[in-house]
Amino acid sequence: DVHNPVFGVSAGLVLLFLVAVLVSDAETAKSALDGLKWKII
């Protein structure tokens, strides 16, 4: 019993994230996201 479109968009973005992690290098992803995090901080 799901809200349209919150459920679909949320689940889709999570799955997209998992695919991106699968096809990319964890160290590269960490470096990029760490850079964004420290820029914000």
Full PDB file with SEQRES, HELIX, SHEET, SSBOND, CRYST1, ORIGX, SCALE, CONECT and MASTER records, all heavy atoms in Angstrom:
SEQRES   1 A   41  ASP VAL HIS ASN PRO VAL PHE GLY VAL SER ALA GLY LEU          
SEQRES   2 A   41  VAL LEU LEU PHE LEU VAL ALA VAL LEU VAL SER ASP ALA          
SEQRES   3 A   41  GLU THR ALA LYS SER ALA LEU ASP GLY LEU LYS TRP LYS          
SEQRES   4 A   41  ILE ILE                                                      
HELIX    1 AA1 VAL A    6  VAL A   23  1                                  18    
HELIX    2 AA2 ALA A   26  ILE A   40  1                                  15    
CRYST1    1.000    1.000    1.000  90.00  90.00  90.00 P 1           1          
ORIGX1      1.000000  0.000000  0.000000        0.00000                         
ORIGX2      0.000000  1.000000  0.000000        0.00000                         
ORIGX3      0.000000  0.000000  1.000000        0.00000                         
SCALE1      1.000000  0.000000  0.000000        0.00000                         
SCALE2      0.000000  1.000000  0.000000        0.00000                         
SCALE3      0.000000  0.000000  1.000000        0.00000                         
ATOM      1  N   ASP A   1       0.880  -1.164   0.000  1.00  0.00           N  
ATOM      2  CA  ASP A   1       0.000   0.000   0.000  1.00  0.00           C  
ATOM      3  C   ASP A   1       0.921   1.218   0.000  1.00  0.00           C  
ATOM      4  O   ASP A   1       1.318   1.728   1.051  1.00  0.00           O  
ATOM      5  CB  ASP A   1      -0.894  -0.011   1.245  1.00  0.00           C  
ATOM      6  CG  ASP A   1      -1.921   1.122   1.243  1.00  0.00           C  
ATOM      7  OD1 ASP A   1      -1.908   1.931   0.295  1.00  0.00           O  
ATOM      8  OD2 ASP A   1      -2.721   1.201   2.194  1.00  0.00           O  
ATOM      9  N   VAL A   2       1.279   1.702  -1.202  1.00  0.00           N  
ATOM     10  CA  VAL A   2       2.388   2.650  -1.314  1.00  0.00           C  
ATOM     11  C   VAL A   2       1.923   3.983  -1.873  1.00  0.00           C  
ATOM     12  O   VAL A   2       0.984   4.063  -2.666  1.00  0.00           O  
ATOM     13  CB  VAL A   2       3.516   2.080  -2.207  1.00  0.00           C  
ATOM     14  CG1 VAL A   2       4.053   0.796  -1.608  1.00  0.00           C  
ATOM     15  CG2 VAL A   2       3.039   1.842  -3.632  1.00  0.00           C  
ATOM     16  N   HIS A   3       2.620   5.025  -1.430  1.00  0.00           N  
ATOM     17  CA  HIS A   3       2.334   6.372  -1.927  1.00  0.00           C  
ATOM     18  C   HIS A   3       2.966   6.567  -3.302  1.00  0.00           C  
ATOM     19  O   HIS A   3       4.112   6.209  -3.525  1.00  0.00           O  
ATOM     20  CB  HIS A   3       2.889   7.417  -0.958  1.00  0.00           C  
ATOM     21  CG  HIS A   3       2.568   8.829  -1.337  1.00  0.00           C  
ATOM     22  ND1 HIS A   3       3.289   9.538  -2.268  1.00  0.00           N  
ATOM     23  CD2 HIS A   3       1.575   9.662  -0.921  1.00  0.00           C  
ATOM     24  CE1 HIS A   3       2.767  10.746  -2.401  1.00  0.00           C  
ATOM     25  NE2 HIS A   3       1.730  10.848  -1.602  1.00  0.00           N  
ATOM     26  N   ASN A   4       2.186   7.132  -4.176  1.00  0.00           N  
ATOM     27  CA  ASN A   4       2.671   7.433  -5.527  1.00  0.00           C  
ATOM     28  C   ASN A   4       2.928   8.932  -5.608  1.00  0.00           C  
ATOM     29  O   ASN A   4       2.013   9.719  -5.375  1.00  0.00           O  
ATOM     30  CB  ASN A   4       1.596   7.022  -6.544  1.00  0.00           C  
ATOM     31  CG  ASN A   4       1.999   7.296  -7.971  1.00  0.00           C  
ATOM     32  OD1 ASN A   4       3.146   7.159  -8.331  1.00  0.00           O  
ATOM     33  ND2 ASN A   4       1.030   7.702  -8.788  1.00  0.00           N  
ATOM     34  N   PRO A   5       4.190   9.357  -5.874  1.00  0.00           N  
ATOM     35  CA  PRO A   5       5.326   8.595  -6.382  1.00  0.00           C  
ATOM     36  C   PRO A   5       6.450   8.363  -5.369  1.00  0.00           C  
ATOM     37  O   PRO A   5       7.535   7.956  -5.774  1.00  0.00           O  
ATOM     38  CB  PRO A   5       5.830   9.515  -7.493  1.00  0.00           C  
ATOM     39  CG  PRO A   5       5.629  10.900  -6.906  1.00  0.00           C  
ATOM     40  CD  PRO A   5       4.393  10.813  -6.050  1.00  0.00           C  
ATOM     41  N   VAL A   6       6.230   8.636  -4.082  1.00  0.00           N  
ATOM     42  CA  VAL A   6       7.330   8.604  -3.113  1.00  0.00           C  
ATOM     43  C   VAL A   6       7.981   7.222  -3.044  1.00  0.00           C  
ATOM     44  O   VAL A   6       9.209   7.102  -3.062  1.00  0.00           O  
ATOM     45  CB  VAL A   6       6.841   9.036  -1.714  1.00  0.00           C  
ATOM     46  CG1 VAL A   6       7.937   8.829  -0.668  1.00  0.00           C  
ATOM     47  CG2 VAL A   6       6.427  10.506  -1.743  1.00  0.00           C  
ATOM     48  N   PHE A   7       7.166   6.170  -2.981  1.00  0.00           N  
ATOM     49  CA  PHE A   7       7.719   4.820  -2.885  1.00  0.00           C  
ATOM     50  C   PHE A   7       8.563   4.493  -4.111  1.00  0.00           C  
ATOM     51  O   PHE A   7       9.712   4.044  -3.999  1.00  0.00           O  
ATOM     52  CB  PHE A   7       6.601   3.791  -2.741  1.00  0.00           C  
ATOM     53  CG  PHE A   7       7.092   2.372  -2.624  1.00  0.00           C  
ATOM     54  CD1 PHE A   7       7.292   1.788  -1.386  1.00  0.00           C  
ATOM     55  CD2 PHE A   7       7.356   1.601  -3.755  1.00  0.00           C  
ATOM     56  CE1 PHE A   7       7.746   0.481  -1.266  1.00  0.00           C  
ATOM     57  CE2 PHE A   7       7.818   0.305  -3.657  1.00  0.00           C  
ATOM     58  CZ  PHE A   7       8.006  -0.258  -2.402  1.00  0.00           C  
ATOM     59  N   GLY A   8       8.011   4.716  -5.299  1.00  0.00           N  
ATOM     60  CA  GLY A   8       8.716   4.357  -6.527  1.00  0.00           C  
ATOM     61  C   GLY A   8      10.011   5.136  -6.721  1.00  0.00           C  
ATOM     62  O   GLY A   8      11.046   4.557  -7.072  1.00  0.00           O  
ATOM     63  N   VAL A   9       9.972   6.441  -6.476  1.00  0.00           N  
ATOM     64  CA  VAL A   9      11.178   7.262  -6.643  1.00  0.00           C  
ATOM     65  C   VAL A   9      12.238   6.866  -5.630  1.00  0.00           C  
ATOM     66  O   VAL A   9      13.426   6.727  -5.956  1.00  0.00           O  
ATOM     67  CB  VAL A   9      10.831   8.756  -6.508  1.00  0.00           C  
ATOM     68  CG1 VAL A   9      12.094   9.601  -6.495  1.00  0.00           C  
ATOM     69  CG2 VAL A   9       9.911   9.197  -7.645  1.00  0.00           C  
ATOM     70  N   SER A  10      11.825   6.666  -4.364  1.00  0.00           N  
ATOM     71  CA  SER A  10      12.786   6.302  -3.317  1.00  0.00           C  
ATOM     72  C   SER A  10      13.439   4.961  -3.615  1.00  0.00           C  
ATOM     73  O   SER A  10      14.670   4.826  -3.571  1.00  0.00           O  
ATOM     74  CB  SER A  10      12.078   6.240  -1.955  1.00  0.00           C  
ATOM     75  OG  SER A  10      11.504   7.476  -1.612  1.00  0.00           O  
ATOM     76  N   ALA A  11      12.613   3.941  -3.912  1.00  0.00           N  
ATOM     77  CA  ALA A  11      13.155   2.617  -4.209  1.00  0.00           C  
ATOM     78  C   ALA A  11      14.042   2.661  -5.448  1.00  0.00           C  
ATOM     79  O   ALA A  11      15.104   2.027  -5.501  1.00  0.00           O  
ATOM     80  CB  ALA A  11      12.009   1.619  -4.400  1.00  0.00           C  
ATOM     81  N   GLY A  12      13.627   3.429  -6.464  1.00  0.00           N  
ATOM     82  CA  GLY A  12      14.419   3.526  -7.684  1.00  0.00           C  
ATOM     83  C   GLY A  12      15.776   4.164  -7.450  1.00  0.00           C  
ATOM     84  O   GLY A  12      16.801   3.692  -7.969  1.00  0.00           O  
ATOM     85  N   LEU A  13      15.823   5.223  -6.657  1.00  0.00           N  
ATOM     86  CA  LEU A  13      17.090   5.888  -6.368  1.00  0.00           C  
ATOM     87  C   LEU A  13      18.016   4.998  -5.540  1.00  0.00           C  
ATOM     88  O   LEU A  13      19.235   4.998  -5.737  1.00  0.00           O  
ATOM     89  CB  LEU A  13      16.835   7.205  -5.629  1.00  0.00           C  
ATOM     90  CG  LEU A  13      16.218   8.328  -6.466  1.00  0.00           C  
ATOM     91  CD1 LEU A  13      15.883   9.536  -5.602  1.00  0.00           C  
ATOM     92  CD2 LEU A  13      17.160   8.740  -7.602  1.00  0.00           C  
ATOM     93  N   VAL A  14      17.436   4.216  -4.635  1.00  0.00           N  
ATOM     94  CA  VAL A  14      18.247   3.284  -3.839  1.00  0.00           C  
ATOM     95  C   VAL A  14      18.860   2.215  -4.737  1.00  0.00           C  
ATOM     96  O   VAL A  14      20.054   1.897  -4.639  1.00  0.00           O  
ATOM     97  CB  VAL A  14      17.396   2.635  -2.733  1.00  0.00           C  
ATOM     98  CG1 VAL A  14      18.162   1.488  -2.064  1.00  0.00           C  
ATOM     99  CG2 VAL A  14      17.005   3.670  -1.687  1.00  0.00           C  
ATOM    100  N   LEU A  15      18.050   1.656  -5.617  1.00  0.00           N  
ATOM    101  CA  LEU A  15      18.555   0.633  -6.538  1.00  0.00           C  
ATOM    102  C   LEU A  15      19.602   1.219  -7.482  1.00  0.00           C  
ATOM    103  O   LEU A  15      20.604   0.564  -7.796  1.00  0.00           O  
ATOM    104  CB  LEU A  15      17.397   0.025  -7.322  1.00  0.00           C  
ATOM    105  CG  LEU A  15      16.403  -0.798  -6.505  1.00  0.00           C  
ATOM    106  CD1 LEU A  15      15.222  -1.239  -7.366  1.00  0.00           C  
ATOM    107  CD2 LEU A  15      17.078  -2.023  -5.888  1.00  0.00           C  
ATOM    108  N   LEU A  16      19.386   2.454  -7.929  1.00  0.00           N  
ATOM    109  CA  LEU A  16      20.357   3.121  -8.792  1.00  0.00           C  
ATOM    110  C   LEU A  16      21.677   3.306  -8.062  1.00  0.00           C  
ATOM    111  O   LEU A  16      22.756   3.114  -8.639  1.00  0.00           O  
ATOM    112  CB  LEU A  16      19.806   4.476  -9.236  1.00  0.00           C  
ATOM    113  CG  LEU A  16      20.668   5.280 -10.226  1.00  0.00           C  
ATOM    114  CD1 LEU A  16      20.805   4.520 -11.546  1.00  0.00           C  
ATOM    115  CD2 LEU A  16      20.059   6.663 -10.458  1.00  0.00           C  
ATOM    116  N   PHE A  17      21.601   3.645  -6.785  1.00  0.00           N  
ATOM    117  CA  PHE A  17      22.811   3.802  -5.981  1.00  0.00           C  
ATOM    118  C   PHE A  17      23.567   2.480  -5.881  1.00  0.00           C  
ATOM    119  O   PHE A  17      24.786   2.428  -6.031  1.00  0.00           O  
ATOM    120  CB  PHE A  17      22.443   4.310  -4.591  1.00  0.00           C  
ATOM    121  CG  PHE A  17      23.603   4.337  -3.625  1.00  0.00           C  
ATOM    122  CD1 PHE A  17      24.501   5.391  -3.627  1.00  0.00           C  
ATOM    123  CD2 PHE A  17      23.799   3.292  -2.729  1.00  0.00           C  
ATOM    124  CE1 PHE A  17      25.579   5.407  -2.743  1.00  0.00           C  
ATOM    125  CE2 PHE A  17      24.860   3.304  -1.846  1.00  0.00           C  
ATOM    126  CZ  PHE A  17      25.763   4.365  -1.851  1.00  0.00           C  
ATOM    127  N   LEU A  18      22.829   1.392  -5.624  1.00  0.00           N  
ATOM    128  CA  LEU A  18      23.469   0.079  -5.515  1.00  0.00           C  
ATOM    129  C   LEU A  18      24.154  -0.312  -6.812  1.00  0.00           C  
ATOM    130  O   LEU A  18      25.271  -0.843  -6.810  1.00  0.00           O  
ATOM    131  CB  LEU A  18      22.431  -0.981  -5.118  1.00  0.00           C  
ATOM    132  CG  LEU A  18      22.032  -1.022  -3.651  1.00  0.00           C  
ATOM    133  CD1 LEU A  18      20.908  -2.028  -3.441  1.00  0.00           C  
ATOM    134  CD2 LEU A  18      23.221  -1.373  -2.762  1.00  0.00           C  
ATOM    135  N   VAL A  19      23.502  -0.059  -7.947  1.00  0.00           N  
ATOM    136  CA  VAL A  19      24.100  -0.376  -9.247  1.00  0.00           C  
ATOM    137  C   VAL A  19      25.360   0.451  -9.451  1.00  0.00           C  
ATOM    138  O   VAL A  19      26.390  -0.058  -9.922  1.00  0.00           O  
ATOM    139  CB  VAL A  19      23.088  -0.112 -10.379  1.00  0.00           C  
ATOM    140  CG1 VAL A  19      23.772  -0.218 -11.737  1.00  0.00           C  
ATOM    141  CG2 VAL A  19      21.932  -1.094 -10.302  1.00  0.00           C  
ATOM    142  N   ALA A  20      25.297   1.736  -9.090  1.00  0.00           N  
ATOM    143  CA  ALA A  20      26.462   2.609  -9.252  1.00  0.00           C  
ATOM    144  C   ALA A  20      27.641   2.109  -8.425  1.00  0.00           C  
ATOM    145  O   ALA A  20      28.795   2.144  -8.874  1.00  0.00           O  
ATOM    146  CB  ALA A  20      26.099   4.036  -8.834  1.00  0.00           C  
ATOM    147  N   VAL A  21      27.354   1.632  -7.224  1.00  0.00           N  
ATOM    148  CA  VAL A  21      28.423   1.103  -6.370  1.00  0.00           C  
ATOM    149  C   VAL A  21      28.990  -0.180  -6.975  1.00  0.00           C  
ATOM    150  O   VAL A  21      30.204  -0.419  -6.944  1.00  0.00           O  
ATOM    151  CB  VAL A  21      27.895   0.839  -4.944  1.00  0.00           C  
ATOM    152  CG1 VAL A  21      28.924   0.078  -4.108  1.00  0.00           C  
ATOM    153  CG2 VAL A  21      27.558   2.151  -4.259  1.00  0.00           C  
ATOM    154  N   LEU A  22      28.112  -1.013  -7.532  1.00  0.00           N  
ATOM    155  CA  LEU A  22      28.559  -2.273  -8.116  1.00  0.00           C  
ATOM    156  C   LEU A  22      29.504  -2.061  -9.290  1.00  0.00           C  
ATOM    157  O   LEU A  22      30.466  -2.810  -9.478  1.00  0.00           O  
ATOM    158  CB  LEU A  22      27.351  -3.092  -8.569  1.00  0.00           C  
ATOM    159  CG  LEU A  22      26.545  -3.804  -7.473  1.00  0.00           C  
ATOM    160  CD1 LEU A  22      25.242  -4.361  -8.044  1.00  0.00           C  
ATOM    161  CD2 LEU A  22      27.367  -4.934  -6.854  1.00  0.00           C  
ATOM    162  N   VAL A  23      29.224  -1.039 -10.102  1.00  0.00           N  
ATOM    163  CA  VAL A  23      30.016  -0.845 -11.317  1.00  0.00           C  
ATOM    164  C   VAL A  23      31.177   0.132 -11.118  1.00  0.00           C  
ATOM    165  O   VAL A  23      31.968   0.333 -12.028  1.00  0.00           O  
ATOM    166  CB  VAL A  23      29.130  -0.344 -12.481  1.00  0.00           C  
ATOM    167  CG1 VAL A  23      28.031  -1.356 -12.786  1.00  0.00           C  
ATOM    168  CG2 VAL A  23      28.527   1.025 -12.162  1.00  0.00           C  
ATOM    169  N   SER A  24      31.259   0.743  -9.941  1.00  0.00           N  
ATOM    170  CA  SER A  24      32.327   1.715  -9.708  1.00  0.00           C  
ATOM    171  C   SER A  24      33.282   1.201  -8.642  1.00  0.00           C  
ATOM    172  O   SER A  24      33.030   0.192  -7.980  1.00  0.00           O  
ATOM    173  CB  SER A  24      31.750   3.065  -9.282  1.00  0.00           C  
ATOM    174  OG  SER A  24      31.115   2.957  -8.029  1.00  0.00           O  
ATOM    175  N   ASP A  25      34.353   1.917  -8.464  1.00  0.00           N  
ATOM    176  CA  ASP A  25      35.341   1.575  -7.458  1.00  0.00           C  
ATOM    177  C   ASP A  25      34.961   2.237  -6.140  1.00  0.00           C  
ATOM    178  O   ASP A  25      34.682   3.439  -6.094  1.00  0.00           O  
ATOM    179  CB  ASP A  25      36.719   2.063  -7.920  1.00  0.00           C  
ATOM    180  CG  ASP A  25      37.780   1.801  -6.868  1.00  0.00           C  
ATOM    181  OD1 ASP A  25      37.970   0.639  -6.509  1.00  0.00           O  
ATOM    182  OD2 ASP A  25      38.411   2.786  -6.424  1.00  0.00           O  
ATOM    183  N   ALA A  26      34.943   1.451  -5.048  1.00  0.00           N  
ATOM    184  CA  ALA A  26      34.530   1.973  -3.747  1.00  0.00           C  
ATOM    185  C   ALA A  26      35.419   3.127  -3.292  1.00  0.00           C  
ATOM    186  O   ALA A  26      34.946   4.108  -2.721  1.00  0.00           O  
ATOM    187  CB  ALA A  26      34.545   0.849  -2.705  1.00  0.00           C  
ATOM    188  N   GLU A  27      36.707   3.011  -3.580  1.00  0.00           N  
ATOM    189  CA  GLU A  27      37.628   4.068  -3.168  1.00  0.00           C  
ATOM    190  C   GLU A  27      37.343   5.370  -3.909  1.00  0.00           C  
ATOM    191  O   GLU A  27      37.396   6.460  -3.325  1.00  0.00           O  
ATOM    192  CB  GLU A  27      39.068   3.628  -3.422  1.00  0.00           C  
ATOM    193  CG  GLU A  27      40.107   4.585  -2.872  1.00  0.00           C  
ATOM    194  CD  GLU A  27      41.532   4.069  -3.028  1.00  0.00           C  
ATOM    195  OE1 GLU A  27      41.699   2.878  -3.381  1.00  0.00           O  
ATOM    196  OE2 GLU A  27      42.461   4.859  -2.797  1.00  0.00           O  
ATOM    197  N   THR A  28      36.990   5.256  -5.188  1.00  0.00           N  
ATOM    198  CA  THR A  28      36.655   6.442  -5.973  1.00  0.00           C  
ATOM    199  C   THR A  28      35.375   7.086  -5.461  1.00  0.00           C  
ATOM    200  O   THR A  28      35.283   8.313  -5.323  1.00  0.00           O  
ATOM    201  CB  THR A  28      36.481   6.067  -7.462  1.00  0.00           C  
ATOM    202  OG1 THR A  28      37.683   5.469  -7.932  1.00  0.00           O  
ATOM    203  CG2 THR A  28      36.149   7.297  -8.287  1.00  0.00           C  
ATOM    204  N   ALA A  29      34.378   6.232  -5.183  1.00  0.00           N  
ATOM    205  CA  ALA A  29      33.108   6.745  -4.662  1.00  0.00           C  
ATOM    206  C   ALA A  29      33.321   7.430  -3.311  1.00  0.00           C  
ATOM    207  O   ALA A  29      32.768   8.509  -3.051  1.00  0.00           O  
ATOM    208  CB  ALA A  29      32.103   5.610  -4.520  1.00  0.00           C  
ATOM    209  N   LYS A  30      34.131   6.808  -2.452  1.00  0.00           N  
ATOM    210  CA  LYS A  30      34.405   7.397  -1.145  1.00  0.00           C  
ATOM    211  C   LYS A  30      35.105   8.743  -1.297  1.00  0.00           C  
ATOM    212  O   LYS A  30      34.772   9.713  -0.616  1.00  0.00           O  
ATOM    213  CB  LYS A  30      35.266   6.461  -0.302  1.00  0.00           C  
ATOM    214  CG  LYS A  30      35.671   7.032   1.063  1.00  0.00           C  
ATOM    215  CD  LYS A  30      36.525   6.047   1.834  1.00  0.00           C  
ATOM    216  CE  LYS A  30      36.961   6.632   3.176  1.00  0.00           C  
ATOM    217  NZ  LYS A  30      37.852   7.791   3.025  1.00  0.00           N  
ATOM    218  N   SER A  31      36.069   8.810  -2.193  1.00  0.00           N  
ATOM    219  CA  SER A  31      36.806  10.045  -2.408  1.00  0.00           C  
ATOM    220  C   SER A  31      35.882  11.168  -2.881  1.00  0.00           C  
ATOM    221  O   SER A  31      35.952  12.299  -2.388  1.00  0.00           O  
ATOM    222  CB  SER A  31      37.921   9.817  -3.422  1.00  0.00           C  
ATOM    223  OG  SER A  31      38.618  11.009  -3.685  1.00  0.00           O  
ATOM    224  N   ALA A  32      34.985  10.832  -3.819  1.00  0.00           N  
ATOM    225  CA  ALA A  32      34.079  11.848  -4.364  1.00  0.00           C  
ATOM    226  C   ALA A  32      33.088  12.324  -3.308  1.00  0.00           C  
ATOM    227  O   ALA A  32      32.878  13.532  -3.133  1.00  0.00           O  
ATOM    228  CB  ALA A  32      33.334  11.282  -5.566  1.00  0.00           C  
ATOM    229  N   LEU A  33      32.471  11.379  -2.599  1.00  0.00           N  
ATOM    230  CA  LEU A  33      31.471  11.754  -1.597  1.00  0.00           C  
ATOM    231  C   LEU A  33      32.114  12.408  -0.384  1.00  0.00           C  
ATOM    232  O   LEU A  33      31.541  13.309   0.231  1.00  0.00           O  
ATOM    233  CB  LEU A  33      30.666  10.523  -1.183  1.00  0.00           C  
ATOM    234  CG  LEU A  33      29.713   9.989  -2.243  1.00  0.00           C  
ATOM    235  CD1 LEU A  33      29.104   8.653  -1.820  1.00  0.00           C  
ATOM    236  CD2 LEU A  33      28.606  11.003  -2.520  1.00  0.00           C  
ATOM    237  N   ASP A  34      33.314  11.965  -0.023  1.00  0.00           N  
ATOM    238  CA  ASP A  34      34.037  12.616   1.064  1.00  0.00           C  
ATOM    239  C   ASP A  34      34.353  14.066   0.709  1.00  0.00           C  
ATOM    240  O   ASP A  34      34.258  14.970   1.551  1.00  0.00           O  
ATOM    241  CB  ASP A  34      35.345  11.871   1.364  1.00  0.00           C  
ATOM    242  CG  ASP A  34      35.227  10.997   2.607  1.00  0.00           C  
ATOM    243  OD1 ASP A  34      34.225  11.139   3.330  1.00  0.00           O  
ATOM    244  OD2 ASP A  34      36.129  10.180   2.852  1.00  0.00           O  
ATOM    245  N   GLY A  35      34.737  14.272  -0.551  1.00  0.00           N  
ATOM    246  CA  GLY A  35      35.026  15.627  -1.000  1.00  0.00           C  
ATOM    247  C   GLY A  35      33.807  16.523  -0.884  1.00  0.00           C  
ATOM    248  O   GLY A  35      33.901  17.670  -0.421  1.00  0.00           O  
ATOM    249  N   LEU A  36      32.644  15.989  -1.273  1.00  0.00           N  
ATOM    250  CA  LEU A  36      31.398  16.754  -1.160  1.00  0.00           C  
ATOM    251  C   LEU A  36      31.077  17.027   0.302  1.00  0.00           C  
ATOM    252  O   LEU A  36      30.705  18.159   0.673  1.00  0.00           O  
ATOM    253  CB  LEU A  36      30.257  15.972  -1.818  1.00  0.00           C  
ATOM    254  CG  LEU A  36      28.855  16.577  -1.674  1.00  0.00           C  
ATOM    255  CD1 LEU A  36      28.791  17.945  -2.346  1.00  0.00           C  
ATOM    256  CD2 LEU A  36      27.809  15.624  -2.265  1.00  0.00           C  
ATOM    257  N   LYS A  37      31.226  15.997   1.150  1.00  0.00           N  
ATOM    258  CA  LYS A  37      30.923  16.145   2.577  1.00  0.00           C  
ATOM    259  C   LYS A  37      31.782  17.239   3.207  1.00  0.00           C  
ATOM    260  O   LYS A  37      31.260  18.129   3.904  1.00  0.00           O  
ATOM    261  CB  LYS A  37      31.168  14.818   3.292  1.00  0.00           C  
ATOM    262  CG  LYS A  37      30.956  14.870   4.799  1.00  0.00           C  
ATOM    263  CD  LYS A  37      31.423  13.588   5.466  1.00  0.00           C  
ATOM    264  CE  LYS A  37      32.955  13.513   5.513  1.00  0.00           C  
ATOM    265  NZ  LYS A  37      33.444  12.329   6.226  1.00  0.00           N  
ATOM    266  N   TRP A  38      33.096  17.188   2.980  1.00  0.00           N  
ATOM    267  CA  TRP A  38      33.988  18.162   3.607  1.00  0.00           C  
ATOM    268  C   TRP A  38      33.813  19.556   3.017  1.00  0.00           C  
ATOM    269  O   TRP A  38      34.029  20.558   3.706  1.00  0.00           O  
ATOM    270  CB  TRP A  38      35.438  17.700   3.502  1.00  0.00           C  
ATOM    271  CG  TRP A  38      35.723  16.535   4.393  1.00  0.00           C  
ATOM    272  CD1 TRP A  38      36.057  15.272   4.011  1.00  0.00           C  
ATOM    273  CD2 TRP A  38      35.657  16.522   5.826  1.00  0.00           C  
ATOM    274  NE1 TRP A  38      36.215  14.466   5.114  1.00  0.00           N  
ATOM    275  CE2 TRP A  38      35.984  15.197   6.240  1.00  0.00           C  
ATOM    276  CE3 TRP A  38      35.362  17.480   6.788  1.00  0.00           C  
ATOM    277  CZ2 TRP A  38      35.998  14.845   7.575  1.00  0.00           C  
ATOM    278  CZ3 TRP A  38      35.381  17.116   8.132  1.00  0.00           C  
ATOM    279  CH2 TRP A  38      35.700  15.820   8.507  1.00  0.00           C  
ATOM    280  N   LYS A  39      33.404  19.645   1.761  1.00  0.00           N  
ATOM    281  CA  LYS A  39      33.102  20.944   1.162  1.00  0.00           C  
ATOM    282  C   LYS A  39      31.904  21.576   1.865  1.00  0.00           C  
ATOM    283  O   LYS A  39      31.916  22.772   2.198  1.00  0.00           O  
ATOM    284  CB  LYS A  39      32.808  20.772  -0.334  1.00  0.00           C  
ATOM    285  CG  LYS A  39      32.508  22.072  -1.062  1.00  0.00           C  
ATOM    286  CD  LYS A  39      33.729  22.965  -1.157  1.00  0.00           C  
ATOM    287  CE  LYS A  39      33.460  24.179  -2.014  1.00  0.00           C  
ATOM    288  NZ  LYS A  39      34.619  25.103  -2.057  1.00  0.00           N  
ATOM    289  N   ILE A  40      30.880  20.749   2.111  1.00  0.00           N  
ATOM    290  CA  ILE A  40      29.685  21.238   2.812  1.00  0.00           C  
ATOM    291  C   ILE A  40      30.031  21.641   4.237  1.00  0.00           C  
ATOM    292  O   ILE A  40      29.639  22.711   4.718  1.00  0.00           O  
ATOM    293  CB  ILE A  40      28.583  20.158   2.798  1.00  0.00           C  
ATOM    294  CG1 ILE A  40      28.016  19.997   1.376  1.00  0.00           C  
ATOM    295  CG2 ILE A  40      27.472  20.495   3.785  1.00  0.00           C  
ATOM    296  CD1 ILE A  40      27.063  18.845   1.218  1.00  0.00           C  
ATOM    297  N   ILE A  41      30.782  20.780   4.940  1.00  0.00           N  
ATOM    298  CA  ILE A  41      31.143  21.061   6.333  1.00  0.00           C  
ATOM    299  C   ILE A  41      31.996  22.323   6.431  1.00  0.00           C  
ATOM    300  O   ILE A  41      31.780  23.172   7.301  1.00  0.00           O  
ATOM    301  CB  ILE A  41      31.876  19.852   6.944  1.00  0.00           C  
ATOM    302  CG1 ILE A  41      30.872  18.721   7.233  1.00  0.00           C  
ATOM    303  CG2 ILE A  41      32.623  20.237   8.214  1.00  0.00           C  
ATOM    304  CD1 ILE A  41      31.504  17.448   7.747  1.00  0.00           C  
TER     305      ILE A  41                                                      
MASTER        0    0    0    2    0    0    0    6  304    1    0    4          
END                                                                             
